[in-house]
Amino acid sequence: MRILELDDNIIYIDDSSFTCELEDGRKVYLGLVCEAIDLQELSDEYDDDPYPVMLITQVIVAPDSLDEEFLKRANDEGLEFNNDGIKVYLTYAYSGGVPVNLEGIKGSVTSNVDSEVRTSSHPIYGEIKTRYFRSVKDALQYAKDVYTHNCRALFGLIGLYLDRRLNLMGTTGWDIIQLQALNKDY
């Protein structure tokens, strides 16, 4: 398993076993982006919140399976594709990924990082549990401690997550994977 630190608040996790298969039989390698978002930077309403940092997770296509034309489209800054971290960062910044909720996957690994889980309602997904932290550092440490272990189960069932509708237009996770792996617009 590999962990790349993409930014002060984003890590990327991948493994050669994290794959899916497209309709044409092509194997696509996948990875998981974990982003810690400090809500205090976005709104004053979180100034007194003891856990103002939320951790979100999204599946993207791994560097080895990214389409070169897609990368060129995503690269409006003219960066060189000289390492996987740049490819992952461009992919995530350009098109995001498939949102997944790792709080629904329980494993045997725990973390000493202080956090709390909050439940919210979403019009498409229903009830969603999101983990909140005291700091970005804590959130990323938790992702390294727990999500690196639990994401193995996620990728074992990845088809279920990719089949889900992501928006009211009917876009699914497969559409995002095809965009990144085949440069096929949805």
Protein backbone atom coordinates (compact mmCIF):
# COMPACT_ATOMS: atom_id res chain seq x y z
CA MET A 1 0.00 0.00 0.00
CA ARG A 2 1.22 3.47 -0.85
CA ILE A 3 0.33 6.81 0.77
CA LEU A 4 1.15 10.09 -0.98
CA GLU A 5 0.86 13.45 0.75
CA LEU A 6 -0.53 15.75 -1.95
CA ASP A 7 -1.02 18.92 0.06
CA ASP A 8 -1.20 20.09 3.66
CA ASN A 9 -4.73 18.71 3.87
CA ILE A 10 -4.89 15.90 1.26
CA ILE A 11 -3.48 12.39 1.15
CA TYR A 12 -3.86 9.71 -1.48
CA ILE A 13 -3.89 5.95 -0.85
CA ASP A 14 -3.55 3.22 -3.45
CA ASP A 15 -2.66 -0.43 -3.81
CA SER A 16 -2.32 -2.74 -6.81
CA SER A 17 -5.40 -4.65 -5.59
CA PHE A 18 -7.65 -1.55 -5.85
CA THR A 19 -9.21 -2.13 -9.28
CA CYS A 20 -12.44 -2.18 -11.22
CA GLU A 21 -13.29 -3.54 -14.66
CA LEU A 22 -14.93 -1.46 -17.38
CA GLU A 23 -17.59 -2.82 -19.75
CA ASP A 24 -14.94 -3.58 -22.40
CA GLY A 25 -13.02 -5.74 -19.90
CA ARG A 26 -10.29 -3.19 -19.28
CA LYS A 27 -8.85 -3.27 -15.76
CA VAL A 28 -8.59 0.18 -14.17
CA TYR A 29 -6.49 0.85 -11.08
CA LEU A 30 -8.06 3.06 -8.43
CA GLY A 31 -7.04 5.06 -5.38
CA LEU A 32 -8.59 6.93 -2.48
CA VAL A 33 -8.25 10.66 -1.82
CA CYS A 34 -8.74 11.78 1.78
CA GLU A 35 -9.24 15.52 2.21
CA ALA A 36 -9.43 17.30 5.56
CA ILE A 37 -11.54 20.46 5.33
CA ASP A 38 -11.21 23.07 8.07
CA LEU A 39 -14.71 24.52 8.25
CA GLN A 40 -13.48 27.47 10.34
CA GLU A 41 -11.82 28.78 7.17
CA LEU A 42 -15.18 28.69 5.38
CA SER A 43 -17.64 30.05 7.93
CA ASP A 44 -17.73 31.87 11.27
CA GLU A 45 -20.39 29.46 12.54
CA TYR A 46 -17.63 26.89 13.26
CA ASP A 47 -15.46 29.22 15.37
CA ASP A 48 -16.64 27.66 18.64
CA ASP A 49 -16.90 24.11 17.31
CA PRO A 50 -14.47 21.78 19.15
CA TYR A 51 -14.32 19.54 16.03
CA PRO A 52 -14.25 21.94 13.06
CA VAL A 53 -12.40 19.71 10.58
CA MET A 54 -14.30 17.19 8.47
CA LEU A 55 -12.72 14.34 6.55
CA ILE A 56 -14.09 13.46 3.12
CA THR A 57 -13.06 10.54 0.92
CA GLN A 58 -13.34 10.05 -2.82
CA VAL A 59 -12.27 7.32 -5.23
CA ILE A 60 -10.31 8.35 -8.32
CA VAL A 61 -8.45 6.56 -11.08
CA ALA A 62 -4.86 5.74 -10.10
CA PRO A 63 -1.97 7.31 -12.07
CA ASP A 64 -1.19 4.14 -14.04
CA SER A 65 -4.72 4.06 -15.49
CA LEU A 66 -5.23 7.77 -16.20
CA ASP A 67 -5.86 8.72 -19.82
CA GLU A 68 -3.15 11.02 -21.22
CA GLU A 69 -5.69 13.22 -23.02
CA PHE A 70 -7.66 13.60 -19.79
CA LEU A 71 -4.48 14.66 -17.99
CA LYS A 72 -3.76 17.24 -20.68
CA ARG A 73 -7.28 18.67 -20.26
CA ALA A 74 -6.89 18.77 -16.49
CA ASN A 75 -3.52 20.45 -16.64
CA ASP A 76 -4.46 24.11 -17.15
CA GLU A 77 -1.39 25.13 -15.11
CA GLY A 78 1.05 23.52 -17.57
CA LEU A 79 2.67 21.26 -14.97
CA GLU A 80 4.98 18.42 -15.98
CA PHE A 81 3.66 14.94 -15.26
CA ASN A 82 6.94 13.90 -13.65
CA ASN A 83 5.45 12.10 -10.65
CA ASP A 84 2.28 10.33 -9.54
CA GLY A 85 1.50 12.97 -6.92
CA ILE A 86 1.07 15.64 -9.61
CA LYS A 87 -1.15 13.35 -11.69
CA VAL A 88 -3.37 12.54 -8.71
CA TYR A 89 -3.58 16.18 -7.61
CA LEU A 90 -4.54 17.36 -11.13
CA THR A 91 -7.14 14.62 -11.47
CA TYR A 92 -8.75 15.39 -8.13
CA ALA A 93 -8.65 19.17 -8.62
CA TYR A 94 -10.12 18.93 -12.13
CA SER A 95 -12.92 16.41 -11.78
CA GLY A 96 -13.08 15.29 -8.17
CA GLY A 97 -13.87 11.67 -7.57
CA VAL A 98 -16.58 9.28 -6.53
CA PRO A 99 -17.69 10.20 -2.98
CA VAL A 100 -17.52 7.23 -0.62
CA ASN A 101 -18.31 7.04 3.07
CA LEU A 102 -15.78 4.99 4.96
CA GLU A 103 -17.67 5.48 8.22
CA GLY A 104 -20.01 2.71 7.06
CA ILE A 105 -17.11 0.24 6.99
CA LYS A 106 -16.05 -1.08 10.36
CA GLY A 107 -12.72 -2.75 10.74
CA SER A 108 -10.54 -4.00 13.55
CA VAL A 109 -8.12 -1.06 13.43
CA THR A 110 -8.62 1.92 15.73
CA SER A 111 -6.91 5.24 16.25
CA ASN A 112 -6.06 7.30 19.31
CA VAL A 113 -6.99 10.49 17.43
CA ASP A 114 -9.80 12.42 19.13
CA SER A 115 -12.82 12.72 16.83
CA GLU A 116 -16.60 12.60 16.69
CA VAL A 117 -19.06 11.23 14.15
CA ARG A 118 -22.00 13.38 13.08
CA THR A 119 -25.02 12.30 11.10
CA SER A 120 -26.63 14.39 8.38
CA SER A 121 -29.28 13.82 5.74
CA HIS A 122 -28.67 13.99 1.99
CA PRO A 123 -31.46 14.03 -0.64
CA ILE A 124 -29.83 11.27 -2.74
CA TYR A 125 -27.78 9.22 -0.25
CA GLY A 126 -30.05 9.45 2.77
CA GLU A 127 -28.37 9.40 6.18
CA ILE A 128 -24.61 10.08 6.06
CA LYS A 129 -22.13 9.72 8.89
CA THR A 130 -19.11 12.05 8.72
CA ARG A 131 -16.14 12.11 11.07
CA TYR A 132 -14.95 15.45 12.48
CA PHE A 133 -11.62 16.32 14.12
CA ARG A 134 -9.91 19.03 16.13
CA SER A 135 -7.25 19.68 13.45
CA VAL A 136 -6.28 18.84 9.88
CA LYS A 137 -3.27 16.96 11.24
CA ASP A 138 -5.57 14.77 13.37
CA ALA A 139 -7.88 14.08 10.44
CA LEU A 140 -5.04 12.96 8.17
CA GLN A 141 -3.52 10.84 10.93
CA TYR A 142 -6.87 9.10 11.41
CA ALA A 143 -7.06 8.45 7.65
CA LYS A 144 -3.59 6.91 7.77
CA ASP A 145 -4.41 4.83 10.87
CA VAL A 146 -7.91 3.62 10.01
CA TYR A 147 -8.93 4.36 6.43
CA THR A 148 -5.81 2.75 4.94
CA HIS A 149 -6.99 -0.46 6.56
CA ASN A 150 -10.74 -0.12 5.96
CA CYS A 151 -10.42 0.94 2.33
CA ARG A 152 -9.48 -2.67 1.44
CA ALA A 153 -13.11 -3.59 2.15
CA LEU A 154 -14.29 -0.58 0.16
CA PHE A 155 -12.36 -1.64 -2.93
CA GLY A 156 -13.56 -5.22 -2.49
CA LEU A 157 -17.10 -3.89 -3.03
CA ILE A 158 -16.24 -1.00 -5.37
CA GLY A 159 -18.89 -1.92 -7.97
CA LEU A 160 -21.64 -1.17 -5.46
CA TYR A 161 -20.24 2.31 -4.87
CA LEU A 162 -19.68 3.03 -8.57
CA ASP A 163 -23.22 1.94 -9.48
CA ARG A 164 -24.80 4.54 -7.18
CA ARG A 165 -26.27 7.70 -8.61
CA LEU A 166 -24.25 10.80 -7.67
CA ASN A 167 -26.61 13.59 -8.68
CA LEU A 168 -30.11 14.34 -9.90
CA MET A 169 -28.96 14.02 -13.53
CA GLY A 170 -28.26 10.31 -12.98
CA THR A 171 -24.48 10.49 -13.17
CA THR A 172 -22.88 7.46 -11.54
CA GLY A 173 -19.42 6.71 -10.24
CA TRP A 174 -18.74 4.80 -13.46
CA ASP A 175 -19.09 8.08 -15.39
CA ILE A 176 -16.31 9.67 -13.35
CA ILE A 177 -14.08 6.60 -13.73
CA GLN A 178 -14.63 6.61 -17.52
CA LEU A 179 -13.86 10.34 -17.68
CA GLN A 180 -10.53 9.84 -15.93
CA ALA A 181 -9.56 6.49 -17.48
CA LEU A 182 -10.92 6.95 -21.03
CA ASN A 183 -11.36 10.75 -21.36
CA LYS A 184 -15.05 10.01 -22.01
CA ASP A 185 -17.31 12.90 -21.06
CA TYR A 186 -20.56 12.21 -19.27
